[in-house]
Amino acid sequence: YLRQEGRGLCIGFYEKPCEPWAVNGTPWDFGHELLNEQWDKIEDSVAFAYRRFPVLERAGVKRVIHGPFTFAPDGNPLIGPVPGLRNYWSACAVMAGFSQGGGMGLAL
C-alpha cells in the first residue's frame, strides 16, 4: 500500500516469504514492540516500488516499522459461526483491523 502520512508517504509491504512469529502463542508481556528490521525480506518489493515511483528512492527512508500481523495459516480470516457453539460467532485473524469491519459485519 501507499498513502500520505503528514508531509511524507507511508509505504507498506508484506514479507515474501512470510515467516511465522510466535507460533506457540503471543508472549503475555508483548505489547506493541517492533521486530528487527529485515530488509532482505522486502528488498524485491522496495525495488519494485522504486521503479514504479522513482521519487521514493530519491526521497529516502525515514523510518522502518516491522511488526507482526495476524493471519490464519491459509491467509484467510476466520469469520462465521463457531461449530458446536449455538449463537457463537467469530471474526478473527483479520489483518486489516477495523477497515474491514463493515464487510465482516455484513457477512456475519
N, C-alpha and C. Protein backbone atom coordinates (compact mmCIF):
# COMPACT_ATOMS: atom_id res chain seq x y z
N TYR A 1 0.83 -1.17 0.00
CA TYR A 1 0.00 0.00 0.00
C TYR A 1 0.87 1.23 0.00
N LEU A 2 0.29 2.34 -0.39
CA LEU A 2 0.98 3.62 -0.43
C LEU A 2 -0.04 4.68 -0.08
N ARG A 3 0.29 5.51 0.91
CA ARG A 3 -0.63 6.58 1.30
C ARG A 3 0.15 7.75 1.89
N GLN A 4 -0.52 8.89 1.92
CA GLN A 4 0.10 10.07 2.51
C GLN A 4 0.15 9.93 4.02
N GLU A 5 1.24 10.39 4.60
CA GLU A 5 1.42 10.39 6.05
C GLU A 5 2.05 11.73 6.41
N GLY A 6 1.22 12.68 6.85
CA GLY A 6 1.73 14.01 7.13
C GLY A 6 2.28 14.64 5.87
N ARG A 7 3.55 15.05 5.92
CA ARG A 7 4.19 15.64 4.75
C ARG A 7 5.01 14.62 3.96
N GLY A 8 4.81 13.37 4.28
CA GLY A 8 5.54 12.31 3.59
C GLY A 8 4.61 11.24 3.09
N LEU A 9 5.19 10.11 2.78
CA LEU A 9 4.42 8.96 2.31
C LEU A 9 4.71 7.76 3.20
N CYS A 10 3.72 6.94 3.35
CA CYS A 10 3.85 5.68 4.07
C CYS A 10 3.65 4.59 3.04
N ILE A 11 4.60 3.70 2.96
CA ILE A 11 4.50 2.60 2.01
C ILE A 11 4.68 1.30 2.78
N GLY A 12 3.88 0.32 2.45
CA GLY A 12 3.94 -0.93 3.20
C GLY A 12 4.06 -2.13 2.30
N PHE A 13 4.75 -3.12 2.80
CA PHE A 13 4.96 -4.37 2.07
C PHE A 13 4.68 -5.54 3.01
N TYR A 14 4.38 -6.67 2.43
CA TYR A 14 4.28 -7.92 3.18
C TYR A 14 5.50 -8.75 2.82
N GLU A 15 6.10 -9.34 3.82
CA GLU A 15 7.28 -10.17 3.59
C GLU A 15 6.97 -11.32 2.64
N LYS A 16 7.94 -11.62 1.80
CA LYS A 16 7.85 -12.79 0.92
C LYS A 16 9.16 -13.53 1.04
N PRO A 17 9.19 -14.72 1.51
CA PRO A 17 8.05 -15.45 2.07
C PRO A 17 7.77 -14.99 3.49
N CYS A 18 6.53 -15.14 3.90
CA CYS A 18 6.16 -14.79 5.28
C CYS A 18 6.85 -15.76 6.23
N GLU A 19 7.21 -15.25 7.37
CA GLU A 19 7.85 -16.08 8.38
C GLU A 19 6.97 -16.10 9.62
N PRO A 20 6.50 -17.25 10.04
CA PRO A 20 5.65 -17.32 11.23
C PRO A 20 6.38 -16.77 12.45
N TRP A 21 5.65 -16.07 13.29
CA TRP A 21 6.20 -15.49 14.52
C TRP A 21 5.29 -15.91 15.67
N ALA A 22 5.86 -16.32 16.76
CA ALA A 22 5.12 -16.70 17.97
C ALA A 22 4.06 -17.76 17.66
N VAL A 23 4.46 -18.81 16.96
CA VAL A 23 3.50 -19.85 16.57
C VAL A 23 2.92 -20.59 17.76
N ASN A 24 3.57 -20.53 18.89
CA ASN A 24 3.05 -21.19 20.09
C ASN A 24 2.27 -20.23 20.98
N GLY A 25 1.96 -19.05 20.44
CA GLY A 25 1.19 -18.06 21.19
C GLY A 25 2.00 -16.80 21.42
N THR A 26 1.33 -15.67 21.38
CA THR A 26 1.98 -14.39 21.62
C THR A 26 2.39 -14.30 23.08
N PRO A 27 3.62 -13.88 23.36
CA PRO A 27 4.04 -13.75 24.75
C PRO A 27 3.11 -12.80 25.52
N TRP A 28 2.81 -13.14 26.76
CA TRP A 28 1.88 -12.34 27.56
C TRP A 28 2.38 -10.92 27.77
N ASP A 29 3.69 -10.72 27.78
CA ASP A 29 4.22 -9.37 28.01
C ASP A 29 4.44 -8.59 26.71
N PHE A 30 3.99 -9.14 25.58
CA PHE A 30 4.14 -8.45 24.30
C PHE A 30 3.07 -7.37 24.18
N GLY A 31 3.51 -6.15 23.89
CA GLY A 31 2.58 -5.04 23.71
C GLY A 31 2.56 -4.61 22.26
N HIS A 32 3.23 -3.52 22.00
CA HIS A 32 3.31 -3.00 20.64
C HIS A 32 4.77 -2.90 20.21
N GLU A 33 5.60 -3.80 20.69
CA GLU A 33 7.00 -3.79 20.32
C GLU A 33 7.15 -4.10 18.83
N LEU A 34 8.25 -3.63 18.28
CA LEU A 34 8.54 -3.89 16.87
C LEU A 34 9.56 -5.01 16.77
N LEU A 35 9.60 -5.65 15.63
CA LEU A 35 10.57 -6.70 15.35
C LEU A 35 11.79 -6.07 14.69
N ASN A 36 12.89 -6.80 14.65
CA ASN A 36 14.10 -6.30 14.00
C ASN A 36 13.86 -6.09 12.51
N GLU A 37 14.48 -5.03 11.97
CA GLU A 37 14.37 -4.78 10.54
C GLU A 37 14.97 -5.95 9.77
N GLN A 38 14.32 -6.33 8.69
CA GLN A 38 14.83 -7.40 7.84
C GLN A 38 14.67 -6.97 6.38
N TRP A 39 15.56 -6.09 5.94
CA TRP A 39 15.48 -5.55 4.59
C TRP A 39 15.50 -6.63 3.53
N ASP A 40 16.22 -7.72 3.78
CA ASP A 40 16.32 -8.77 2.77
C ASP A 40 14.96 -9.36 2.42
N LYS A 41 14.02 -9.31 3.35
CA LYS A 41 12.68 -9.88 3.11
C LYS A 41 11.81 -8.99 2.23
N ILE A 42 12.15 -7.69 2.17
CA ILE A 42 11.31 -6.78 1.39
C ILE A 42 12.06 -6.11 0.24
N GLU A 43 13.33 -6.48 0.04
CA GLU A 43 14.13 -5.76 -0.95
C GLU A 43 13.55 -5.82 -2.36
N ASP A 44 12.96 -6.94 -2.75
CA ASP A 44 12.34 -7.03 -4.08
C ASP A 44 11.15 -6.09 -4.19
N SER A 45 10.35 -6.01 -3.13
CA SER A 45 9.19 -5.11 -3.13
C SER A 45 9.62 -3.65 -3.14
N VAL A 46 10.66 -3.33 -2.38
CA VAL A 46 11.18 -1.96 -2.36
C VAL A 46 11.71 -1.59 -3.74
N ALA A 47 12.46 -2.48 -4.37
CA ALA A 47 12.99 -2.22 -5.71
C ALA A 47 11.85 -1.99 -6.71
N PHE A 48 10.78 -2.78 -6.60
CA PHE A 48 9.62 -2.61 -7.48
C PHE A 48 8.99 -1.23 -7.25
N ALA A 49 8.83 -0.84 -5.99
CA ALA A 49 8.25 0.47 -5.68
C ALA A 49 9.11 1.60 -6.23
N TYR A 50 10.43 1.47 -6.11
CA TYR A 50 11.33 2.49 -6.64
C TYR A 50 11.22 2.59 -8.17
N ARG A 51 11.02 1.46 -8.84
CA ARG A 51 10.85 1.51 -10.30
C ARG A 51 9.54 2.19 -10.68
N ARG A 52 8.48 1.91 -9.91
CA ARG A 52 7.16 2.49 -10.20
C ARG A 52 7.10 3.97 -9.84
N PHE A 53 7.75 4.33 -8.74
CA PHE A 53 7.73 5.70 -8.22
C PHE A 53 9.16 6.13 -7.92
N PRO A 54 9.92 6.54 -8.93
CA PRO A 54 11.34 6.88 -8.73
C PRO A 54 11.58 7.93 -7.64
N VAL A 55 10.61 8.77 -7.39
CA VAL A 55 10.77 9.80 -6.36
C VAL A 55 10.97 9.17 -4.98
N LEU A 56 10.45 7.98 -4.77
CA LEU A 56 10.62 7.32 -3.47
C LEU A 56 12.09 7.04 -3.18
N GLU A 57 12.81 6.60 -4.19
CA GLU A 57 14.23 6.30 -3.99
C GLU A 57 15.01 7.58 -3.71
N ARG A 58 14.66 8.65 -4.40
CA ARG A 58 15.36 9.92 -4.18
C ARG A 58 15.03 10.49 -2.81
N ALA A 59 13.81 10.27 -2.34
CA ALA A 59 13.40 10.82 -1.04
C ALA A 59 14.07 10.09 0.12
N GLY A 60 14.30 8.81 -0.03
CA GLY A 60 14.93 8.04 1.03
C GLY A 60 13.93 7.53 2.06
N VAL A 61 14.42 6.73 2.97
CA VAL A 61 13.59 6.11 4.00
C VAL A 61 13.87 6.80 5.33
N LYS A 62 12.82 7.31 5.94
CA LYS A 62 12.96 7.98 7.23
C LYS A 62 12.92 6.98 8.38
N ARG A 63 12.03 5.99 8.28
CA ARG A 63 11.85 5.05 9.38
C ARG A 63 11.29 3.74 8.85
N VAL A 64 11.72 2.65 9.44
CA VAL A 64 11.20 1.33 9.11
C VAL A 64 10.42 0.82 10.32
N ILE A 65 9.21 0.36 10.07
CA ILE A 65 8.39 -0.22 11.13
C ILE A 65 8.11 -1.66 10.73
N HIS A 66 8.57 -2.59 11.55
CA HIS A 66 8.41 -4.01 11.26
C HIS A 66 7.77 -4.68 12.46
N GLY A 67 6.52 -5.05 12.31
CA GLY A 67 5.81 -5.69 13.41
C GLY A 67 4.98 -6.86 12.92
N PRO A 68 4.51 -7.67 13.85
CA PRO A 68 3.72 -8.84 13.46
C PRO A 68 2.31 -8.48 13.02
N PHE A 69 1.79 -9.28 12.12
CA PHE A 69 0.41 -9.17 11.65
C PHE A 69 -0.31 -10.46 11.99
N THR A 70 -1.62 -10.39 12.11
CA THR A 70 -2.38 -11.60 12.40
C THR A 70 -2.96 -12.18 11.12
N PHE A 71 -2.62 -13.42 10.87
CA PHE A 71 -3.14 -14.16 9.73
C PHE A 71 -3.43 -15.58 10.19
N ALA A 72 -4.43 -16.19 9.59
CA ALA A 72 -4.63 -17.63 9.78
C ALA A 72 -3.59 -18.34 8.90
N PRO A 73 -3.31 -19.60 9.15
CA PRO A 73 -2.30 -20.31 8.35
C PRO A 73 -2.53 -20.24 6.84
N ASP A 74 -3.78 -20.21 6.39
CA ASP A 74 -4.04 -20.15 4.94
C ASP A 74 -4.15 -18.72 4.43
N GLY A 75 -3.97 -17.73 5.31
CA GLY A 75 -4.02 -16.34 4.90
C GLY A 75 -5.41 -15.74 4.86
N ASN A 76 -6.43 -16.51 5.15
CA ASN A 76 -7.80 -16.02 5.12
C ASN A 76 -8.31 -15.75 6.53
N PRO A 77 -9.22 -14.77 6.69
CA PRO A 77 -9.80 -14.53 8.01
C PRO A 77 -10.73 -15.66 8.42
N LEU A 78 -10.94 -15.80 9.70
CA LEU A 78 -11.86 -16.80 10.24
C LEU A 78 -13.14 -16.07 10.63
N ILE A 79 -14.15 -16.17 9.80
CA ILE A 79 -15.40 -15.43 10.02
C ILE A 79 -16.57 -16.38 9.88
N GLY A 80 -17.46 -16.36 10.88
CA GLY A 80 -18.66 -17.17 10.78
C GLY A 80 -19.01 -17.85 12.08
N PRO A 81 -20.02 -18.72 12.04
CA PRO A 81 -20.43 -19.42 13.26
C PRO A 81 -19.36 -20.40 13.71
N VAL A 82 -19.22 -20.53 15.02
CA VAL A 82 -18.26 -21.47 15.59
C VAL A 82 -18.95 -22.83 15.73
N PRO A 83 -18.41 -23.86 15.09
CA PRO A 83 -19.03 -25.18 15.15
C PRO A 83 -19.19 -25.67 16.60
N GLY A 84 -20.38 -26.18 16.89
CA GLY A 84 -20.65 -26.75 18.20
C GLY A 84 -21.08 -25.77 19.26
N LEU A 85 -21.08 -24.47 18.96
CA LEU A 85 -21.50 -23.46 19.93
C LEU A 85 -22.66 -22.65 19.36
N ARG A 86 -23.83 -22.83 19.92
CA ARG A 86 -25.03 -22.15 19.44
C ARG A 86 -24.93 -20.64 19.64
N ASN A 87 -25.25 -19.87 18.60
CA ASN A 87 -25.24 -18.41 18.64
C ASN A 87 -23.88 -17.82 19.00
N TYR A 88 -22.81 -18.51 18.68
CA TYR A 88 -21.46 -18.02 18.94
C TYR A 88 -20.77 -17.83 17.59
N TRP A 89 -20.33 -16.60 17.34
CA TRP A 89 -19.75 -16.26 16.05
C TRP A 89 -18.32 -15.75 16.24
N SER A 90 -17.54 -15.84 15.19
CA SER A 90 -16.14 -15.45 15.27
C SER A 90 -15.78 -14.53 14.11
N ALA A 91 -14.92 -13.58 14.39
CA ALA A 91 -14.31 -12.74 13.35
C ALA A 91 -12.88 -12.49 13.82
N CYS A 92 -11.98 -13.37 13.45
CA CYS A 92 -10.60 -13.23 13.89
C CYS A 92 -9.63 -13.53 12.75
N ALA A 93 -8.35 -13.26 13.01
CA ALA A 93 -7.29 -13.40 12.01
C ALA A 93 -7.54 -12.47 10.83
N VAL A 94 -8.12 -11.31 11.12
CA VAL A 94 -8.38 -10.29 10.10
C VAL A 94 -7.24 -9.28 10.18
N MET A 95 -6.37 -9.28 9.20
CA MET A 95 -5.16 -8.48 9.29
C MET A 95 -5.39 -6.98 9.10
N ALA A 96 -6.49 -6.56 8.54
CA ALA A 96 -6.69 -5.13 8.27
C ALA A 96 -7.48 -4.42 9.36
N GLY A 97 -7.78 -5.09 10.45
CA GLY A 97 -8.44 -4.43 11.57
C GLY A 97 -9.81 -3.90 11.22
N PHE A 98 -10.13 -2.75 11.77
CA PHE A 98 -11.49 -2.23 11.64
C PHE A 98 -11.83 -1.74 10.23
N SER A 99 -10.85 -1.60 9.35
CA SER A 99 -11.16 -1.14 7.99
C SER A 99 -12.01 -2.15 7.23
N GLN A 100 -12.02 -3.40 7.67
CA GLN A 100 -12.86 -4.41 7.05
C GLN A 100 -14.09 -4.72 7.89
N GLY A 101 -14.30 -3.95 8.95
CA GLY A 101 -15.39 -4.21 9.89
C GLY A 101 -16.77 -4.22 9.26
N GLY A 102 -17.04 -3.28 8.38
CA GLY A 102 -18.35 -3.22 7.75
C GLY A 102 -18.66 -4.47 6.94
N GLY A 103 -17.70 -4.91 6.16
CA GLY A 103 -17.88 -6.12 5.36
C GLY A 103 -18.02 -7.36 6.23
N MET A 104 -17.23 -7.41 7.30
CA MET A 104 -17.34 -8.56 8.21
C MET A 104 -18.70 -8.59 8.88
N GLY A 105 -19.17 -7.42 9.32
CA GLY A 105 -20.48 -7.36 9.96
C GLY A 105 -21.57 -7.80 9.00
N LEU A 106 -21.47 -7.37 7.75
CA LEU A 106 -22.45 -7.77 6.75
C LEU A 106 -22.41 -9.29 6.53
N ALA A 107 -21.21 -9.85 6.48
CA ALA A 107 -21.07 -11.29 6.28
C ALA A 107 -21.61 -12.07 7.47
N LEU A 108 -21.41 -11.55 8.67
CA LEU A 108 -21.90 -12.25 9.86
C LEU A 108 -23.40 -12.14 9.95
